[in-house]
Each structure stands twice: as C-alpha cells, then as structure tokens.
C-alpha cells in the first residue's frame, strides 16, 4: 500500500510535469507562428 501510494504521488508529479511541458510547447508553437508571420511581412 505504501509503495502504491508513492507510485501514485510520482505519477501525479509526472502528470503535472507533462502538463507544464505541454503548455510550454504550446506557447513556443504560438511564438513560432508569430515569428513566421513576422518573417513573411
């Protein structure tokens, strides 16, 4: 039970990290799109 609780905590932290990374990559995707438009102009 203690081991499973520790694994659950680790998975929760990993899920939070994955969510943060996803938002970070989405922000970079938006910045790259803006840069592309700037270069076209």
ModelCIF file with pLDDT and N, C-alpha, C, O atoms, coordinates in Angstrom:
data_MODEL
#
_entry.id   MODEL 
#
_entity.id                         1 
_entity.type                       polymer 
_entity.pdbx_number_of_molecules   1 
#
_entity_poly.entity_id                      1 
_entity_poly.type                           'polypeptide(L)' 
_entity_poly.nstd_linkage                   no 
_entity_poly.nstd_monomer                   no 
_entity_poly.pdbx_seq_one_letter_code       
;(UNK)(UNK)(UNK)(UNK)(UNK)(UNK)(UNK)(UNK)(UNK)(UNK)(UNK)(UNK)(UNK)(UNK)(UNK)(UNK)
(UNK)(UNK)(UNK)(UNK)(UNK)(UNK)(UNK)(UNK)(UNK)(UNK)(UNK)(UNK)(UNK)(UNK)(UNK)(UNK)
(UNK)(UNK)(UNK)(UNK)(UNK)(UNK)(UNK)(UNK)(UNK)
;
_entity_poly.pdbx_seq_one_letter_code_can   XXXXXXXXXXXXXXXXXXXXXXXXXXXXXXXXXXXXXXXXX 
_entity_poly.pdbx_strand_id                 A 
#
loop_
_entity_poly_seq.entity_id 
_entity_poly_seq.num 
_entity_poly_seq.mon_id 
_entity_poly_seq.hetero 
1 1  UNK n 
1 2  UNK n 
1 3  UNK n 
1 4  UNK n 
1 5  UNK n 
1 6  UNK n 
1 7  UNK n 
1 8  UNK n 
1 9  UNK n 
1 10 UNK n 
1 11 UNK n 
1 12 UNK n 
1 13 UNK n 
1 14 UNK n 
1 15 UNK n 
1 16 UNK n 
1 17 UNK n 
1 18 UNK n 
1 19 UNK n 
1 20 UNK n 
1 21 UNK n 
1 22 UNK n 
1 23 UNK n 
1 24 UNK n 
1 25 UNK n 
1 26 UNK n 
1 27 UNK n 
1 28 UNK n 
1 29 UNK n 
1 30 UNK n 
1 31 UNK n 
1 32 UNK n 
1 33 UNK n 
1 34 UNK n 
1 35 UNK n 
1 36 UNK n 
1 37 UNK n 
1 38 UNK n 
1 39 UNK n 
1 40 UNK n 
1 41 UNK n 
#
_struct_asym.id          A 
_struct_asym.entity_id   1 
#
loop_
_ma_qa_metric.id 
_ma_qa_metric.mode 
_ma_qa_metric.name 
_ma_qa_metric.software_group_id 
_ma_qa_metric.type 
1 global pLDDT . pLDDT 
2 local  pLDDT . pLDDT 
#
_ma_qa_metric_global.metric_id      1 
_ma_qa_metric_global.metric_value   95.20 
_ma_qa_metric_global.model_id       1 
_ma_qa_metric_global.ordinal_id     1 
#
loop_
_ma_qa_metric_local.label_asym_id 
_ma_qa_metric_local.label_comp_id 
_ma_qa_metric_local.label_seq_id 
_ma_qa_metric_local.metric_id 
_ma_qa_metric_local.metric_value 
_ma_qa_metric_local.model_id 
_ma_qa_metric_local.ordinal_id 
A UNK 1  2 93.00 1 1  
A UNK 2  2 94.00 1 2  
A UNK 3  2 95.00 1 3  
A UNK 4  2 96.00 1 4  
A UNK 5  2 96.00 1 5  
A UNK 6  2 96.00 1 6  
A UNK 7  2 96.00 1 7  
A UNK 8  2 96.00 1 8  
A UNK 9  2 95.00 1 9  
A UNK 10 2 96.00 1 10 
A UNK 11 2 96.00 1 11 
A UNK 12 2 96.00 1 12 
A UNK 13 2 96.00 1 13 
A UNK 14 2 96.00 1 14 
A UNK 15 2 96.00 1 15 
A UNK 16 2 95.00 1 16 
A UNK 17 2 96.00 1 17 
A UNK 18 2 96.00 1 18 
A UNK 19 2 95.00 1 19 
A UNK 20 2 95.00 1 20 
A UNK 21 2 96.00 1 21 
A UNK 22 2 96.00 1 22 
A UNK 23 2 95.00 1 23 
A UNK 24 2 94.00 1 24 
A UNK 25 2 95.00 1 25 
A UNK 26 2 96.00 1 26 
A UNK 27 2 94.00 1 27 
A UNK 28 2 95.00 1 28 
A UNK 29 2 95.00 1 29 
A UNK 30 2 95.00 1 30 
A UNK 31 2 95.00 1 31 
A UNK 32 2 95.00 1 32 
A UNK 33 2 95.00 1 33 
A UNK 34 2 96.00 1 34 
A UNK 35 2 95.00 1 35 
A UNK 36 2 95.00 1 36 
A UNK 37 2 95.00 1 37 
A UNK 38 2 95.00 1 38 
A UNK 39 2 94.00 1 39 
A UNK 40 2 93.00 1 40 
A UNK 41 2 94.00 1 41 
#
loop_
_atom_site.group_PDB 
_atom_site.id 
_atom_site.type_symbol 
_atom_site.label_atom_id 
_atom_site.label_alt_id 
_atom_site.label_comp_id 
_atom_site.label_asym_id 
_atom_site.label_entity_id 
_atom_site.label_seq_id 
_atom_site.pdbx_PDB_ins_code 
_atom_site.Cartn_x 
_atom_site.Cartn_y 
_atom_site.Cartn_z 
_atom_site.occupancy 
_atom_site.B_iso_or_equiv 
_atom_site.pdbx_formal_charge 
_atom_site.auth_seq_id 
_atom_site.auth_comp_id 
_atom_site.auth_asym_id 
_atom_site.auth_atom_id 
_atom_site.pdbx_PDB_model_num 
ATOM 1   N N  . UNK A 1 1  ? 0.827 -1.201 0.000   1.00 93.00 ? 1  UNK A N  1 
ATOM 2   C CA . UNK A 1 1  ? 0.000 0.000  0.000   1.00 93.00 ? 1  UNK A CA 1 
ATOM 3   C C  . UNK A 1 1  ? 0.869 1.263  0.000   1.00 93.00 ? 1  UNK A C  1 
ATOM 4   O O  . UNK A 1 1  ? 0.607 2.194  -0.762  1.00 93.00 ? 1  UNK A O  1 
ATOM 5   N N  . UNK A 1 2  ? 1.885 1.299  0.837   1.00 94.00 ? 2  UNK A N  1 
ATOM 6   C CA . UNK A 1 2  ? 2.792 2.454  0.885   1.00 94.00 ? 2  UNK A CA 1 
ATOM 7   C C  . UNK A 1 2  ? 3.516 2.629  -0.448  1.00 94.00 ? 2  UNK A C  1 
ATOM 8   O O  . UNK A 1 2  ? 3.679 3.751  -0.930  1.00 94.00 ? 2  UNK A O  1 
ATOM 9   N N  . UNK A 1 3  ? 3.946 1.520  -1.040  1.00 95.00 ? 3  UNK A N  1 
ATOM 10  C CA . UNK A 1 3  ? 4.611 1.587  -2.332  1.00 95.00 ? 3  UNK A CA 1 
ATOM 11  C C  . UNK A 1 3  ? 3.683 2.123  -3.416  1.00 95.00 ? 3  UNK A C  1 
ATOM 12  O O  . UNK A 1 3  ? 4.083 2.943  -4.242  1.00 95.00 ? 3  UNK A O  1 
ATOM 13  N N  . UNK A 1 4  ? 2.440 1.650  -3.401  1.00 96.00 ? 4  UNK A N  1 
ATOM 14  C CA . UNK A 1 4  ? 1.465 2.129  -4.390  1.00 96.00 ? 4  UNK A CA 1 
ATOM 15  C C  . UNK A 1 4  ? 1.143 3.605  -4.184  1.00 96.00 ? 4  UNK A C  1 
ATOM 16  O O  . UNK A 1 4  ? 0.957 4.337  -5.157  1.00 96.00 ? 4  UNK A O  1 
ATOM 17  N N  . UNK A 1 5  ? 1.076 4.043  -2.952  1.00 96.00 ? 5  UNK A N  1 
ATOM 18  C CA . UNK A 1 5  ? 0.839 5.455  -2.677  1.00 96.00 ? 5  UNK A CA 1 
ATOM 19  C C  . UNK A 1 5  ? 2.010 6.305  -3.181  1.00 96.00 ? 5  UNK A C  1 
ATOM 20  O O  . UNK A 1 5  ? 1.806 7.395  -3.717  1.00 96.00 ? 5  UNK A O  1 
ATOM 21  N N  . UNK A 1 6  ? 3.238 5.801  -3.005  1.00 96.00 ? 6  UNK A N  1 
ATOM 22  C CA . UNK A 1 6  ? 4.413 6.522  -3.500  1.00 96.00 ? 6  UNK A CA 1 
ATOM 23  C C  . UNK A 1 6  ? 4.395 6.584  -5.024  1.00 96.00 ? 6  UNK A C  1 
ATOM 24  O O  . UNK A 1 6  ? 4.710 7.622  -5.606  1.00 96.00 ? 6  UNK A O  1 
ATOM 25  N N  . UNK A 1 7  ? 4.026 5.474  -5.676  1.00 96.00 ? 7  UNK A N  1 
ATOM 26  C CA . UNK A 1 7  ? 3.927 5.456  -7.138  1.00 96.00 ? 7  UNK A CA 1 
ATOM 27  C C  . UNK A 1 7  ? 2.856 6.436  -7.601  1.00 96.00 ? 7  UNK A C  1 
ATOM 28  O O  . UNK A 1 7  ? 3.054 7.153  -8.582  1.00 96.00 ? 7  UNK A O  1 
ATOM 29  N N  . UNK A 1 8  ? 1.729 6.473  -6.908  1.00 96.00 ? 8  UNK A N  1 
ATOM 30  C CA . UNK A 1 8  ? 0.660 7.401  -7.261  1.00 96.00 ? 8  UNK A CA 1 
ATOM 31  C C  . UNK A 1 8  ? 1.135 8.849  -7.146  1.00 96.00 ? 8  UNK A C  1 
ATOM 32  O O  . UNK A 1 8  ? 0.839 9.670  -8.015  1.00 96.00 ? 8  UNK A O  1 
ATOM 33  N N  . UNK A 1 9  ? 1.866 9.162  -6.085  1.00 95.00 ? 9  UNK A N  1 
ATOM 34  C CA . UNK A 1 9  ? 2.413 10.513 -5.935  1.00 95.00 ? 9  UNK A CA 1 
ATOM 35  C C  . UNK A 1 9  ? 3.376 10.853 -7.058  1.00 95.00 ? 9  UNK A C  1 
ATOM 36  O O  . UNK A 1 9  ? 3.359 11.963 -7.589  1.00 95.00 ? 9  UNK A O  1 
ATOM 37  N N  . UNK A 1 10 ? 4.219 9.887  -7.417  1.00 96.00 ? 10 UNK A N  1 
ATOM 38  C CA . UNK A 1 10 ? 5.161 10.116 -8.517  1.00 96.00 ? 10 UNK A CA 1 
ATOM 39  C C  . UNK A 1 10 ? 4.430 10.323 -9.834  1.00 96.00 ? 10 UNK A C  1 
ATOM 40  O O  . UNK A 1 10 ? 4.803 11.187 -10.628 1.00 96.00 ? 10 UNK A O  1 
ATOM 41  N N  . UNK A 1 11 ? 3.389 9.531  -10.065 1.00 96.00 ? 11 UNK A N  1 
ATOM 42  C CA . UNK A 1 11 ? 2.610 9.688  -11.294 1.00 96.00 ? 11 UNK A CA 1 
ATOM 43  C C  . UNK A 1 11 ? 1.888 11.028 -11.325 1.00 96.00 ? 11 UNK A C  1 
ATOM 44  O O  . UNK A 1 11 ? 1.765 11.635 -12.389 1.00 96.00 ? 11 UNK A O  1 
ATOM 45  N N  . UNK A 1 12 ? 1.413 11.497 -10.187 1.00 96.00 ? 12 UNK A N  1 
ATOM 46  C CA . UNK A 1 12 ? 0.771 12.807 -10.127 1.00 96.00 ? 12 UNK A CA 1 
ATOM 47  C C  . UNK A 1 12 ? 1.764 13.918 -10.468 1.00 96.00 ? 12 UNK A C  1 
ATOM 48  O O  . UNK A 1 12 ? 1.439 14.848 -11.206 1.00 96.00 ? 12 UNK A O  1 
ATOM 49  N N  . UNK A 1 13 ? 2.982 13.811 -9.922  1.00 96.00 ? 13 UNK A N  1 
ATOM 50  C CA . UNK A 1 13 ? 4.004 14.812 -10.236 1.00 96.00 ? 13 UNK A CA 1 
ATOM 51  C C  . UNK A 1 13 ? 4.396 14.744 -11.711 1.00 96.00 ? 13 UNK A C  1 
ATOM 52  O O  . UNK A 1 13 ? 4.604 15.774 -12.354 1.00 96.00 ? 13 UNK A O  1 
ATOM 53  N N  . UNK A 1 14 ? 4.495 13.524 -12.241 1.00 96.00 ? 14 UNK A N  1 
ATOM 54  C CA . UNK A 1 14 ? 4.817 13.348 -13.655 1.00 96.00 ? 14 UNK A CA 1 
ATOM 55  C C  . UNK A 1 14 ? 3.710 13.928 -14.532 1.00 96.00 ? 14 UNK A C  1 
ATOM 56  O O  . UNK A 1 14 ? 3.993 14.547 -15.558 1.00 96.00 ? 14 UNK A O  1 
ATOM 57  N N  . UNK A 1 15 ? 2.459 13.734 -14.138 1.00 96.00 ? 15 UNK A N  1 
ATOM 58  C CA . UNK A 1 15 ? 1.340 14.301 -14.874 1.00 96.00 ? 15 UNK A CA 1 
ATOM 59  C C  . UNK A 1 15 ? 1.420 15.830 -14.863 1.00 96.00 ? 15 UNK A C  1 
ATOM 60  O O  . UNK A 1 15 ? 1.182 16.471 -15.886 1.00 96.00 ? 15 UNK A O  1 
ATOM 61  N N  . UNK A 1 16 ? 1.753 16.406 -13.720 1.00 95.00 ? 16 UNK A N  1 
ATOM 62  C CA . UNK A 1 16 ? 1.914 17.864 -13.636 1.00 95.00 ? 16 UNK A CA 1 
ATOM 63  C C  . UNK A 1 16 ? 3.043 18.355 -14.520 1.00 95.00 ? 16 UNK A C  1 
ATOM 64  O O  . UNK A 1 16 ? 2.920 19.386 -15.182 1.00 95.00 ? 16 UNK A O  1 
ATOM 65  N N  . UNK A 1 17 ? 4.139 17.620 -14.530 1.00 96.00 ? 17 UNK A N  1 
ATOM 66  C CA . UNK A 1 17 ? 5.265 17.999 -15.386 1.00 96.00 ? 17 UNK A CA 1 
ATOM 67  C C  . UNK A 1 17 ? 4.899 17.890 -16.855 1.00 96.00 ? 17 UNK A C  1 
ATOM 68  O O  . UNK A 1 17 ? 5.267 18.755 -17.651 1.00 96.00 ? 17 UNK A O  1 
ATOM 69  N N  . UNK A 1 18 ? 4.182 16.841 -17.223 1.00 96.00 ? 18 UNK A N  1 
ATOM 70  C CA . UNK A 1 18 ? 3.756 16.679 -18.616 1.00 96.00 ? 18 UNK A CA 1 
ATOM 71  C C  . UNK A 1 18 ? 2.817 17.809 -19.026 1.00 96.00 ? 18 UNK A C  1 
ATOM 72  O O  . UNK A 1 18 ? 2.904 18.309 -20.147 1.00 96.00 ? 18 UNK A O  1 
ATOM 73  N N  . UNK A 1 19 ? 1.934 18.210 -18.140 1.00 95.00 ? 19 UNK A N  1 
ATOM 74  C CA . UNK A 1 19 ? 1.020 19.311 -18.431 1.00 95.00 ? 19 UNK A CA 1 
ATOM 75  C C  . UNK A 1 19 ? 1.792 20.617 -18.609 1.00 95.00 ? 19 UNK A C  1 
ATOM 76  O O  . UNK A 1 19 ? 1.515 21.384 -19.532 1.00 95.00 ? 19 UNK A O  1 
ATOM 77  N N  . UNK A 1 20 ? 2.761 20.868 -17.724 1.00 95.00 ? 20 UNK A N  1 
ATOM 78  C CA . UNK A 1 20 ? 3.574 22.080 -17.843 1.00 95.00 ? 20 UNK A CA 1 
ATOM 79  C C  . UNK A 1 20 ? 4.367 22.076 -19.150 1.00 95.00 ? 20 UNK A C  1 
ATOM 80  O O  . UNK A 1 20 ? 4.478 23.104 -19.820 1.00 95.00 ? 20 UNK A O  1 
ATOM 81  N N  . UNK A 1 21 ? 4.915 20.918 -19.507 1.00 96.00 ? 21 UNK A N  1 
ATOM 82  C CA . UNK A 1 21 ? 5.670 20.809 -20.762 1.00 96.00 ? 21 UNK A CA 1 
ATOM 83  C C  . UNK A 1 21 ? 4.754 21.035 -21.957 1.00 96.00 ? 21 UNK A C  1 
ATOM 84  O O  . UNK A 1 21 ? 5.146 21.684 -22.927 1.00 96.00 ? 21 UNK A O  1 
ATOM 85  N N  . UNK A 1 22 ? 3.556 20.512 -21.895 1.00 96.00 ? 22 UNK A N  1 
ATOM 86  C CA . UNK A 1 22 ? 2.596 20.714 -22.977 1.00 96.00 ? 22 UNK A CA 1 
ATOM 87  C C  . UNK A 1 22 ? 2.270 22.191 -23.141 1.00 96.00 ? 22 UNK A C  1 
ATOM 88  O O  . UNK A 1 22 ? 2.225 22.688 -24.266 1.00 96.00 ? 22 UNK A O  1 
ATOM 89  N N  . UNK A 1 23 ? 2.043 22.897 -22.050 1.00 95.00 ? 23 UNK A N  1 
ATOM 90  C CA . UNK A 1 23 ? 1.759 24.333 -22.128 1.00 95.00 ? 23 UNK A CA 1 
ATOM 91  C C  . UNK A 1 23 ? 2.965 25.103 -22.648 1.00 95.00 ? 23 UNK A C  1 
ATOM 92  O O  . UNK A 1 23 ? 2.822 26.047 -23.425 1.00 95.00 ? 23 UNK A O  1 
ATOM 93  N N  . UNK A 1 24 ? 4.155 24.692 -22.215 1.00 94.00 ? 24 UNK A N  1 
ATOM 94  C CA . UNK A 1 24 ? 5.391 25.322 -22.678 1.00 94.00 ? 24 UNK A CA 1 
ATOM 95  C C  . UNK A 1 24 ? 5.545 25.159 -24.192 1.00 94.00 ? 24 UNK A C  1 
ATOM 96  O O  . UNK A 1 24 ? 5.878 26.113 -24.894 1.00 94.00 ? 24 UNK A O  1 
ATOM 97  N N  . UNK A 1 25 ? 5.299 23.940 -24.688 1.00 95.00 ? 25 UNK A N  1 
ATOM 98  C CA . UNK A 1 25 ? 5.418 23.687 -26.122 1.00 95.00 ? 25 UNK A CA 1 
ATOM 99  C C  . UNK A 1 25 ? 4.335 24.419 -26.904 1.00 95.00 ? 25 UNK A C  1 
ATOM 100 O O  . UNK A 1 25 ? 4.578 24.881 -28.019 1.00 95.00 ? 25 UNK A O  1 
ATOM 101 N N  . UNK A 1 26 ? 3.149 24.526 -26.328 1.00 96.00 ? 26 UNK A N  1 
ATOM 102 C CA . UNK A 1 26 ? 2.077 25.264 -26.996 1.00 96.00 ? 26 UNK A CA 1 
ATOM 103 C C  . UNK A 1 26 ? 2.447 26.739 -27.110 1.00 96.00 ? 26 UNK A C  1 
ATOM 104 O O  . UNK A 1 26 ? 2.199 27.365 -28.140 1.00 96.00 ? 26 UNK A O  1 
ATOM 105 N N  . UNK A 1 27 ? 3.034 27.288 -26.065 1.00 94.00 ? 27 UNK A N  1 
ATOM 106 C CA . UNK A 1 27 ? 3.483 28.675 -26.109 1.00 94.00 ? 27 UNK A CA 1 
ATOM 107 C C  . UNK A 1 27 ? 4.537 28.858 -27.195 1.00 94.00 ? 27 UNK A C  1 
ATOM 108 O O  . UNK A 1 27 ? 4.498 29.837 -27.940 1.00 94.00 ? 27 UNK A O  1 
ATOM 109 N N  . UNK A 1 28 ? 5.477 27.919 -27.287 1.00 95.00 ? 28 UNK A N  1 
ATOM 110 C CA . UNK A 1 28 ? 6.508 28.023 -28.322 1.00 95.00 ? 28 UNK A CA 1 
ATOM 111 C C  . UNK A 1 28 ? 5.909 27.878 -29.712 1.00 95.00 ? 28 UNK A C  1 
ATOM 112 O O  . UNK A 1 28 ? 6.374 28.515 -30.657 1.00 95.00 ? 28 UNK A O  1 
ATOM 113 N N  . UNK A 1 29 ? 4.880 27.044 -29.845 1.00 95.00 ? 29 UNK A N  1 
ATOM 114 C CA . UNK A 1 29 ? 4.211 26.898 -31.134 1.00 95.00 ? 29 UNK A CA 1 
ATOM 115 C C  . UNK A 1 29 ? 3.589 28.227 -31.549 1.00 95.00 ? 29 UNK A C  1 
ATOM 116 O O  . UNK A 1 29 ? 3.669 28.618 -32.714 1.00 95.00 ? 29 UNK A O  1 
ATOM 117 N N  . UNK A 1 30 ? 2.973 28.917 -30.599 1.00 95.00 ? 30 UNK A N  1 
ATOM 118 C CA . UNK A 1 30 ? 2.367 30.220 -30.890 1.00 95.00 ? 30 UNK A CA 1 
ATOM 119 C C  . UNK A 1 30 ? 3.454 31.227 -31.252 1.00 95.00 ? 30 UNK A C  1 
ATOM 120 O O  . UNK A 1 30 ? 3.296 32.001 -32.195 1.00 95.00 ? 30 UNK A O  1 
ATOM 121 N N  . UNK A 1 31 ? 4.556 31.218 -30.506 1.00 95.00 ? 31 UNK A N  1 
ATOM 122 C CA . UNK A 1 31 ? 5.655 32.141 -30.801 1.00 95.00 ? 31 UNK A CA 1 
ATOM 123 C C  . UNK A 1 31 ? 6.257 31.871 -32.178 1.00 95.00 ? 31 UNK A C  1 
ATOM 124 O O  . UNK A 1 31 ? 6.605 32.807 -32.897 1.00 95.00 ? 31 UNK A O  1 
ATOM 125 N N  . UNK A 1 32 ? 6.380 30.605 -32.546 1.00 95.00 ? 32 UNK A N  1 
ATOM 126 C CA . UNK A 1 32 ? 6.902 30.278 -33.877 1.00 95.00 ? 32 UNK A CA 1 
ATOM 127 C C  . UNK A 1 32 ? 5.942 30.723 -34.973 1.00 95.00 ? 32 UNK A C  1 
ATOM 128 O O  . UNK A 1 32 ? 6.379 31.174 -36.032 1.00 95.00 ? 32 UNK A O  1 
ATOM 129 N N  . UNK A 1 33 ? 4.649 30.601 -34.732 1.00 95.00 ? 33 UNK A N  1 
ATOM 130 C CA . UNK A 1 33 ? 3.674 31.070 -35.703 1.00 95.00 ? 33 UNK A CA 1 
ATOM 131 C C  . UNK A 1 33 ? 3.769 32.585 -35.877 1.00 95.00 ? 33 UNK A C  1 
ATOM 132 O O  . UNK A 1 33 ? 3.718 33.092 -36.997 1.00 95.00 ? 33 UNK A O  1 
ATOM 133 N N  . UNK A 1 34 ? 3.908 33.306 -34.754 1.00 96.00 ? 34 UNK A N  1 
ATOM 134 C CA . UNK A 1 34 ? 4.063 34.756 -34.832 1.00 96.00 ? 34 UNK A CA 1 
ATOM 135 C C  . UNK A 1 34 ? 5.353 35.137 -35.557 1.00 96.00 ? 34 UNK A C  1 
ATOM 136 O O  . UNK A 1 34 ? 5.369 36.080 -36.348 1.00 96.00 ? 34 UNK A O  1 
ATOM 137 N N  . UNK A 1 35 ? 6.421 34.411 -35.289 1.00 95.00 ? 35 UNK A N  1 
ATOM 138 C CA . UNK A 1 35 ? 7.686 34.668 -35.973 1.00 95.00 ? 35 UNK A CA 1 
ATOM 139 C C  . UNK A 1 35 ? 7.554 34.411 -37.473 1.00 95.00 ? 35 UNK A C  1 
ATOM 140 O O  . UNK A 1 35 ? 8.097 35.158 -38.287 1.00 95.00 ? 35 UNK A O  1 
ATOM 141 N N  . UNK A 1 36 ? 6.836 33.358 -37.831 1.00 95.00 ? 36 UNK A N  1 
ATOM 142 C CA . UNK A 1 36 ? 6.620 33.065 -39.251 1.00 95.00 ? 36 UNK A CA 1 
ATOM 143 C C  . UNK A 1 36 ? 5.878 34.215 -39.925 1.00 95.00 ? 36 UNK A C  1 
ATOM 144 O O  . UNK A 1 36 ? 6.257 34.645 -41.014 1.00 95.00 ? 36 UNK A O  1 
ATOM 145 N N  . UNK A 1 37 ? 4.825 34.714 -39.282 1.00 95.00 ? 37 UNK A N  1 
ATOM 146 C CA . UNK A 1 37 ? 4.090 35.836 -39.863 1.00 95.00 ? 37 UNK A CA 1 
ATOM 147 C C  . UNK A 1 37 ? 4.973 37.083 -39.962 1.00 95.00 ? 37 UNK A C  1 
ATOM 148 O O  . UNK A 1 37 ? 4.908 37.820 -40.946 1.00 95.00 ? 37 UNK A O  1 
ATOM 149 N N  . UNK A 1 38 ? 5.795 37.312 -38.937 1.00 95.00 ? 38 UNK A N  1 
ATOM 150 C CA . UNK A 1 38 ? 6.697 38.456 -38.963 1.00 95.00 ? 38 UNK A CA 1 
ATOM 151 C C  . UNK A 1 38 ? 7.685 38.339 -40.122 1.00 95.00 ? 38 UNK A C  1 
ATOM 152 O O  . UNK A 1 38 ? 7.951 39.322 -40.813 1.00 95.00 ? 38 UNK A O  1 
ATOM 153 N N  . UNK A 1 39 ? 8.225 37.147 -40.335 1.00 94.00 ? 39 UNK A N  1 
ATOM 154 C CA . UNK A 1 39 ? 9.165 36.946 -41.442 1.00 94.00 ? 39 UNK A CA 1 
ATOM 155 C C  . UNK A 1 39 ? 8.492 37.121 -42.791 1.00 94.00 ? 39 UNK A C  1 
ATOM 156 O O  . UNK A 1 39 ? 9.094 37.669 -43.715 1.00 94.00 ? 39 UNK A O  1 
ATOM 157 N N  . UNK A 1 40 ? 7.254 36.663 -42.919 1.00 93.00 ? 40 UNK A N  1 
ATOM 158 C CA . UNK A 1 40 ? 6.526 36.841 -44.178 1.00 93.00 ? 40 UNK A CA 1 
ATOM 159 C C  . UNK A 1 40 ? 6.335 38.328 -44.456 1.00 93.00 ? 40 UNK A C  1 
ATOM 160 O O  . UNK A 1 40 ? 6.533 38.786 -45.582 1.00 93.00 ? 40 UNK A O  1 
ATOM 161 N N  . UNK A 1 41 ? 5.948 39.082 -43.423 1.00 94.00 ? 41 UNK A N  1 
ATOM 162 C CA . UNK A 1 41 ? 5.748 40.518 -43.618 1.00 94.00 ? 41 UNK A CA 1 
ATOM 163 C C  . UNK A 1 41 ? 7.069 41.231 -43.919 1.00 94.00 ? 41 UNK A C  1 
ATOM 164 O O  . UNK A 1 41 ? 7.084 42.447 -44.111 1.00 94.00 ? 41 UNK A O  1 
#
